[in-house]
Amino acid sequence: MNKNDPAMTFNTQDDKKKRIKDQVQAVIASKSLDNQRVLINAIAAELKITVLDCAAALVVLHEASPDTISPSHTSQVHAQKQKLDEKSSPNNLLPGIRLVRYRLDVGFQHKVTLDEIKKILVEESGVDIKNIANVRIQDCYTLIDLPDEMPQEIFHHLKTVEINQQQLDIRRVKPRNKKRGNYRNRRTHLQPVNKMGKD
């Protein structure tokens, strides 16, 4: 077989396109890309190039070292997220415990695992492991439910605790307000009244 055969080159290009397309699709399905979008826009602006040129350059870099984003890595991330959802179900909670949502500044990009997060919280705060629930590890942060009655000194201590050289910087997540219906009709008393017949 001749490696310079145009038909063989075409097949190789098709294979490469399919491989990259599959990898991109897997990443988009399993990750939030907000931080990466900001990064790409910043790089493109600093280099005074289009975002498309920046993406093309990243494909070249990917071809030079294809192990940076591999299908096995993206499937591992997806499988790990599914496992986290199964492990963090609130069914095992001690009865009578009111939970509150918290945000930790550690996520997948800091190479943390559910077990590491639970272990550090148990060691540093004394919380019962059965009272850690609804853990959602994202790319750069984690959402977690912990008991409501956390003492202030423990809360402040947890802000400074580190996992993989990244501070937890724990914060309480405020519950979202429900959208109020019929907003326009309730605000009509603030609108000017049209007085007919007067100029």
C-alpha atoms as a PDB file:
ATOM      1  CA  MET A   1       0.000   0.000   0.000  1.00  0.00           C
ATOM      2  CA  ASN A   2       1.227   3.463  -0.894  1.00  0.00           C
ATOM      3  CA  LYS A   3       1.089   5.930   2.010  1.00  0.00           C
ATOM      4  CA  ASN A   4       1.029   8.826  -0.476  1.00  0.00           C
ATOM      5  CA  ASP A   5      -2.130   7.505  -2.119  1.00  0.00           C
ATOM      6  CA  PRO A   6      -4.758  10.349  -2.080  1.00  0.00           C
ATOM      7  CA  ALA A   7      -7.534   7.896  -1.120  1.00  0.00           C
ATOM      8  CA  MET A   8      -5.560   6.780   1.932  1.00  0.00           C
ATOM      9  CA  THR A   9      -4.869  10.404   2.945  1.00  0.00           C
ATOM     10  CA  PHE A  10      -8.590  11.164   2.623  1.00  0.00           C
ATOM     11  CA  ASN A  11      -9.487   8.217   4.883  1.00  0.00           C
ATOM     12  CA  THR A  12      -6.909   9.332   7.445  1.00  0.00           C
ATOM     13  CA  GLN A  13      -8.387  12.854   7.424  1.00  0.00           C
ATOM     14  CA  ASP A  14     -11.896  11.425   7.876  1.00  0.00           C
ATOM     15  CA  ASP A  15     -10.704   9.258  10.767  1.00  0.00           C
ATOM     16  CA  LYS A  16      -8.993  12.230  12.398  1.00  0.00           C
ATOM     17  CA  LYS A  17     -12.093  14.402  11.978  1.00  0.00           C
ATOM     18  CA  LYS A  18     -14.328  11.704  13.482  1.00  0.00           C
ATOM     19  CA  ARG A  19     -11.930  11.141  16.398  1.00  0.00           C
ATOM     20  CA  ILE A  20     -11.743  14.870  17.205  1.00  0.00           C
ATOM     21  CA  LYS A  21     -15.512  15.262  16.777  1.00  0.00           C
ATOM     22  CA  ASP A  22     -16.172  12.354  19.171  1.00  0.00           C
ATOM     23  CA  GLN A  23     -13.759  13.773  21.745  1.00  0.00           C
ATOM     24  CA  VAL A  24     -15.268  17.265  21.522  1.00  0.00           C
ATOM     25  CA  GLN A  25     -18.763  15.819  21.871  1.00  0.00           C
ATOM     26  CA  ALA A  26     -17.722  13.786  24.943  1.00  0.00           C
ATOM     27  CA  VAL A  27     -16.152  16.836  26.623  1.00  0.00           C
ATOM     28  CA  ILE A  28     -19.181  19.039  25.915  1.00  0.00           C
ATOM     29  CA  ALA A  29     -21.512  16.353  27.297  1.00  0.00           C
ATOM     30  CA  SER A  30     -19.552  15.860  30.515  1.00  0.00           C
ATOM     31  CA  LYS A  31     -18.119  19.266  31.472  1.00  0.00           C
ATOM     32  CA  SER A  32     -19.041  22.871  32.013  1.00  0.00           C
ATOM     33  CA  LEU A  33     -16.816  24.901  29.685  1.00  0.00           C
ATOM     34  CA  ASP A  34     -17.427  28.410  31.047  1.00  0.00           C
ATOM     35  CA  ASN A  35     -13.847  28.888  32.290  1.00  0.00           C
ATOM     36  CA  GLN A  36     -12.398  27.534  29.053  1.00  0.00           C
ATOM     37  CA  ARG A  37     -14.554  29.902  26.965  1.00  0.00           C
ATOM     38  CA  VAL A  38     -13.264  32.851  28.969  1.00  0.00           C
ATOM     39  CA  LEU A  39      -9.688  31.590  28.547  1.00  0.00           C
ATOM     40  CA  ILE A  40     -10.012  31.122  24.768  1.00  0.00           C
ATOM     41  CA  ASN A  41     -11.593  34.563  24.324  1.00  0.00           C
ATOM     42  CA  ALA A  42      -8.805  36.132  26.397  1.00  0.00           C
ATOM     43  CA  ILE A  43      -6.051  34.341  24.433  1.00  0.00           C
ATOM     44  CA  ALA A  44      -7.650  35.270  21.105  1.00  0.00           C
ATOM     45  CA  ALA A  45      -7.989  38.916  22.184  1.00  0.00           C
ATOM     46  CA  GLU A  46      -4.396  39.122  23.460  1.00  0.00           C
ATOM     47  CA  LEU A  47      -2.999  37.555  20.279  1.00  0.00           C
ATOM     48  CA  LYS A  48      -5.389  39.611  18.108  1.00  0.00           C
ATOM     49  CA  ILE A  49      -6.663  36.497  16.345  1.00  0.00           C
ATOM     50  CA  THR A  50     -10.115  35.043  15.842  1.00  0.00           C
ATOM     51  CA  VAL A  51     -11.530  32.428  18.182  1.00  0.00           C
ATOM     52  CA  LEU A  52     -11.632  30.084  15.161  1.00  0.00           C
ATOM     53  CA  ASP A  53      -7.871  30.532  14.582  1.00  0.00           C
ATOM     54  CA  CYS A  54      -7.302  29.878  18.282  1.00  0.00           C
ATOM     55  CA  ALA A  55      -9.368  26.673  18.062  1.00  0.00           C
ATOM     56  CA  ALA A  56      -7.417  25.577  14.964  1.00  0.00           C
ATOM     57  CA  ALA A  57      -4.127  26.135  16.814  1.00  0.00           C
ATOM     58  CA  LEU A  58      -5.436  24.036  19.709  1.00  0.00           C
ATOM     59  CA  VAL A  59      -6.216  21.199  17.275  1.00  0.00           C
ATOM     60  CA  VAL A  60      -2.592  21.353  16.072  1.00  0.00           C
ATOM     61  CA  LEU A  61      -1.400  21.239  19.693  1.00  0.00           C
ATOM     62  CA  HIS A  62      -3.747  18.322  20.355  1.00  0.00           C
ATOM     63  CA  GLU A  63      -2.303  16.445  17.366  1.00  0.00           C
ATOM     64  CA  ALA A  64       1.209  17.023  18.719  1.00  0.00           C
ATOM     65  CA  SER A  65       0.247  15.476  22.085  1.00  0.00           C
ATOM     66  CA  PRO A  66      -3.017  13.534  21.666  1.00  0.00           C
ATOM     67  CA  ASP A  67      -2.954  12.168  25.210  1.00  0.00           C
ATOM     68  CA  THR A  68      -3.965  15.553  26.638  1.00  0.00           C
ATOM     69  CA  ILE A  69      -7.609  14.914  25.760  1.00  0.00           C
ATOM     70  CA  SER A  70      -8.355  11.265  25.200  1.00  0.00           C
ATOM     71  CA  PRO A  71     -11.696   9.504  24.892  1.00  0.00           C
ATOM     72  CA  SER A  72     -10.764   7.314  27.851  1.00  0.00           C
ATOM     73  CA  HIS A  73     -10.217  10.430  29.995  1.00  0.00           C
ATOM     74  CA  THR A  74     -13.591  11.933  29.107  1.00  0.00           C
ATOM     75  CA  SER A  75     -15.379   8.626  29.686  1.00  0.00           C
ATOM     76  CA  GLN A  76     -13.596   8.305  33.052  1.00  0.00           C
ATOM     77  CA  VAL A  77     -14.829  11.774  34.037  1.00  0.00           C
ATOM     78  CA  HIS A  78     -18.381  10.872  32.980  1.00  0.00           C
ATOM     79  CA  ALA A  79     -18.271   7.554  34.870  1.00  0.00           C
ATOM     80  CA  GLN A  80     -16.855   9.296  37.945  1.00  0.00           C
ATOM     81  CA  LYS A  81     -19.698  11.850  37.908  1.00  0.00           C
ATOM     82  CA  GLN A  82     -22.284   9.049  37.729  1.00  0.00           C
ATOM     83  CA  LYS A  83     -20.600   7.245  40.622  1.00  0.00           C
ATOM     84  CA  LEU A  84     -20.644  10.475  42.654  1.00  0.00           C
ATOM     85  CA  ASP A  85     -24.366  10.906  42.118  1.00  0.00           C
ATOM     86  CA  GLU A  86     -24.989   7.343  43.305  1.00  0.00           C
ATOM     87  CA  LYS A  87     -22.752   7.644  46.378  1.00  0.00           C
ATOM     88  CA  SER A  88     -24.053  11.001  47.525  1.00  0.00           C
ATOM     89  CA  SER A  89     -27.755  10.205  47.723  1.00  0.00           C
ATOM     90  CA  PRO A  90     -29.370  11.507  50.932  1.00  0.00           C
ATOM     91  CA  ASN A  91     -31.011   8.157  51.814  1.00  0.00           C
ATOM     92  CA  ASN A  92     -28.384   7.295  54.455  1.00  0.00           C
ATOM     93  CA  LEU A  93     -28.802  10.512  56.472  1.00  0.00           C
ATOM     94  CA  LEU A  94     -29.312  10.425  60.189  1.00  0.00           C
ATOM     95  CA  PRO A  95     -32.957  11.291  60.989  1.00  0.00           C
ATOM     96  CA  GLY A  96     -33.903  14.811  62.062  1.00  0.00           C
ATOM     97  CA  ILE A  97     -30.913  16.545  60.454  1.00  0.00           C
ATOM     98  CA  ARG A  98     -31.600  19.733  58.474  1.00  0.00           C
ATOM     99  CA  LEU A  99     -29.094  20.194  55.653  1.00  0.00           C
ATOM    100  CA  VAL A 100     -27.796  23.383  54.062  1.00  0.00           C
ATOM    101  CA  ARG A 101     -26.130  23.779  50.648  1.00  0.00           C
ATOM    102  CA  TYR A 102     -22.467  24.855  50.600  1.00  0.00           C
ATOM    103  CA  ARG A 103     -19.976  25.627  47.840  1.00  0.00           C
ATOM    104  CA  LEU A 104     -16.337  24.525  48.041  1.00  0.00           C
ATOM    105  CA  ASP A 105     -13.679  26.038  45.769  1.00  0.00           C
ATOM    106  CA  VAL A 106     -12.295  22.650  44.728  1.00  0.00           C
ATOM    107  CA  GLY A 107     -13.342  20.596  41.719  1.00  0.00           C
ATOM    108  CA  PHE A 108     -12.211  18.149  39.062  1.00  0.00           C
ATOM    109  CA  GLN A 109      -9.491  20.502  37.828  1.00  0.00           C
ATOM    110  CA  HIS A 110      -7.908  20.250  41.300  1.00  0.00           C
ATOM    111  CA  LYS A 111      -7.971  16.440  41.005  1.00  0.00           C
ATOM    112  CA  VAL A 112     -10.233  15.921  44.023  1.00  0.00           C
ATOM    113  CA  THR A 113     -12.405  12.896  44.633  1.00  0.00           C
ATOM    114  CA  LEU A 114     -15.590  12.411  46.621  1.00  0.00           C
ATOM    115  CA  ASP A 115     -13.731  10.285  49.167  1.00  0.00           C
ATOM    116  CA  GLU A 116     -11.067  12.992  49.680  1.00  0.00           C
ATOM    117  CA  ILE A 117     -13.706  15.672  50.227  1.00  0.00           C
ATOM    118  CA  LYS A 118     -15.649  13.542  52.710  1.00  0.00           C
ATOM    119  CA  LYS A 119     -12.480  12.503  54.549  1.00  0.00           C
ATOM    120  CA  ILE A 120     -11.230  16.083  54.958  1.00  0.00           C
ATOM    121  CA  LEU A 121     -14.658  17.310  56.128  1.00  0.00           C
ATOM    122  CA  VAL A 122     -14.914  14.518  58.712  1.00  0.00           C
ATOM    123  CA  GLU A 123     -11.342  15.109  59.953  1.00  0.00           C
ATOM    124  CA  GLU A 124     -11.477  18.910  60.039  1.00  0.00           C
ATOM    125  CA  SER A 125     -15.060  19.576  61.136  1.00  0.00           C
ATOM    126  CA  GLY A 126     -16.109  16.420  62.959  1.00  0.00           C
ATOM    127  CA  VAL A 127     -19.256  16.091  60.841  1.00  0.00           C
ATOM    128  CA  ASP A 128     -20.699  12.579  60.686  1.00  0.00           C
ATOM    129  CA  ILE A 129     -19.970  11.110  57.246  1.00  0.00           C
ATOM    130  CA  LYS A 130     -23.644  10.046  57.014  1.00  0.00           C
ATOM    131  CA  ASN A 131     -24.616  13.732  57.137  1.00  0.00           C
ATOM    132  CA  ILE A 132     -22.657  14.663  54.006  1.00  0.00           C
ATOM    133  CA  ALA A 133     -25.073  14.522  51.081  1.00  0.00           C
ATOM    134  CA  ASN A 134     -25.826  15.630  47.516  1.00  0.00           C
ATOM    135  CA  VAL A 135     -22.182  16.107  46.538  1.00  0.00           C
ATOM    136  CA  ARG A 136     -21.840  17.553  43.028  1.00  0.00           C
ATOM    137  CA  ILE A 137     -18.208  17.926  41.947  1.00  0.00           C
ATOM    138  CA  GLN A 138     -17.940  20.339  39.019  1.00  0.00           C
ATOM    139  CA  ASP A 139     -14.896  21.480  37.062  1.00  0.00           C
ATOM    140  CA  CYS A 140     -13.684  24.179  39.484  1.00  0.00           C
ATOM    141  CA  TYR A 141     -16.037  23.913  42.489  1.00  0.00           C
ATOM    142  CA  THR A 142     -18.157  21.455  44.465  1.00  0.00           C
ATOM    143  CA  LEU A 143     -21.693  21.766  45.827  1.00  0.00           C
ATOM    144  CA  ILE A 144     -22.421  19.810  48.985  1.00  0.00           C
ATOM    145  CA  ASP A 145     -25.117  19.535  51.667  1.00  0.00           C
ATOM    146  CA  LEU A 146     -23.949  19.659  55.303  1.00  0.00           C
ATOM    147  CA  PRO A 147     -25.802  19.924  58.637  1.00  0.00           C
ATOM    148  CA  ASP A 148     -27.277  23.370  59.325  1.00  0.00           C
ATOM    149  CA  GLU A 149     -25.879  23.852  62.826  1.00  0.00           C
ATOM    150  CA  MET A 150     -22.199  24.229  61.895  1.00  0.00           C
ATOM    151  CA  PRO A 151     -20.364  26.318  64.541  1.00  0.00           C
ATOM    152  CA  GLN A 152     -18.820  29.564  63.216  1.00  0.00           C
ATOM    153  CA  GLU A 153     -15.274  28.639  64.291  1.00  0.00           C
ATOM    154  CA  ILE A 154     -15.445  25.366  62.326  1.00  0.00           C
ATOM    155  CA  PHE A 155     -16.934  27.190  59.323  1.00  0.00           C
ATOM    156  CA  HIS A 156     -14.054  29.727  59.377  1.00  0.00           C
ATOM    157  CA  HIS A 157     -11.512  26.928  59.840  1.00  0.00           C
ATOM    158  CA  LEU A 158     -12.887  25.051  56.807  1.00  0.00           C
ATOM    159  CA  LYS A 159     -12.317  28.154  54.664  1.00  0.00           C
ATOM    160  CA  THR A 160      -8.556  27.726  55.139  1.00  0.00           C
ATOM    161  CA  VAL A 161      -8.352  23.927  54.857  1.00  0.00           C
ATOM    162  CA  GLU A 162      -6.670  22.728  51.638  1.00  0.00           C
ATOM    163  CA  ILE A 163      -7.066  19.729  49.363  1.00  0.00           C
ATOM    164  CA  ASN A 164      -4.265  19.313  46.808  1.00  0.00           C
ATOM    165  CA  GLN A 165      -2.974  22.818  47.648  1.00  0.00           C
ATOM    166  CA  GLN A 166      -6.373  24.410  46.946  1.00  0.00           C
ATOM    167  CA  GLN A 167      -8.300  26.094  49.774  1.00  0.00           C
ATOM    168  CA  LEU A 168     -11.866  24.919  50.316  1.00  0.00           C
ATOM    169  CA  ASP A 169     -13.042  28.519  50.891  1.00  0.00           C
ATOM    170  CA  ILE A 170     -16.430  27.126  51.948  1.00  0.00           C
ATOM    171  CA  ARG A 171     -19.458  29.398  51.412  1.00  0.00           C
ATOM    172  CA  ARG A 172     -23.120  28.933  52.143  1.00  0.00           C
ATOM    173  CA  VAL A 173     -25.240  28.892  48.992  1.00  0.00           C
ATOM    174  CA  LYS A 174     -28.305  31.091  49.236  1.00  0.00           C
ATOM    175  CA  PRO A 175     -31.472  29.368  48.030  1.00  0.00           C
ATOM    176  CA  ARG A 176     -32.833  30.784  44.806  1.00  0.00           C
ATOM    177  CA  ASN A 177     -35.991  32.844  45.077  1.00  0.00           C
ATOM    178  CA  LYS A 178     -38.889  31.511  43.062  1.00  0.00           C
ATOM    179  CA  LYS A 179     -39.810  33.717  40.141  1.00  0.00           C
ATOM    180  CA  ARG A 180     -42.762  35.837  40.973  1.00  0.00           C
ATOM    181  CA  GLY A 181     -45.528  35.484  38.446  1.00  0.00           C
ATOM    182  CA  ASN A 182     -47.397  38.331  36.806  1.00  0.00           C
ATOM    183  CA  TYR A 183     -44.669  40.886  37.563  1.00  0.00           C
ATOM    184  CA  ARG A 184     -45.894  43.357  34.959  1.00  0.00           C
ATOM    185  CA  ASN A 185     -49.437  43.539  36.363  1.00  0.00           C
ATOM    186  CA  ARG A 186     -48.255  44.080  39.929  1.00  0.00           C
ATOM    187  CA  ARG A 187     -46.118  47.066  38.914  1.00  0.00           C
ATOM    188  CA  THR A 188     -48.829  48.993  37.052  1.00  0.00           C
ATOM    189  CA  HIS A 189     -49.354  51.389  39.947  1.00  0.00           C
ATOM    190  CA  LEU A 190     -45.860  52.788  39.252  1.00  0.00           C
ATOM    191  CA  GLN A 191     -46.594  53.599  35.605  1.00  0.00           C
ATOM    192  CA  PRO A 192     -47.893  57.059  34.660  1.00  0.00           C
ATOM    193  CA  VAL A 193     -51.643  57.210  34.194  1.00  0.00           C
ATOM    194  CA  ASN A 194     -52.798  58.290  30.741  1.00  0.00           C
ATOM    195  CA  LYS A 195     -55.343  61.040  31.336  1.00  0.00           C
ATOM    196  CA  MET A 196     -57.612  61.118  28.321  1.00  0.00           C
ATOM    197  CA  GLY A 197     -58.789  64.417  26.971  1.00  0.00           C
ATOM    198  CA  LYS A 198     -55.999  66.441  28.608  1.00  0.00           C
ATOM    199  CA  ASP A 199     -52.908  67.714  26.765  1.00  0.00           C
END
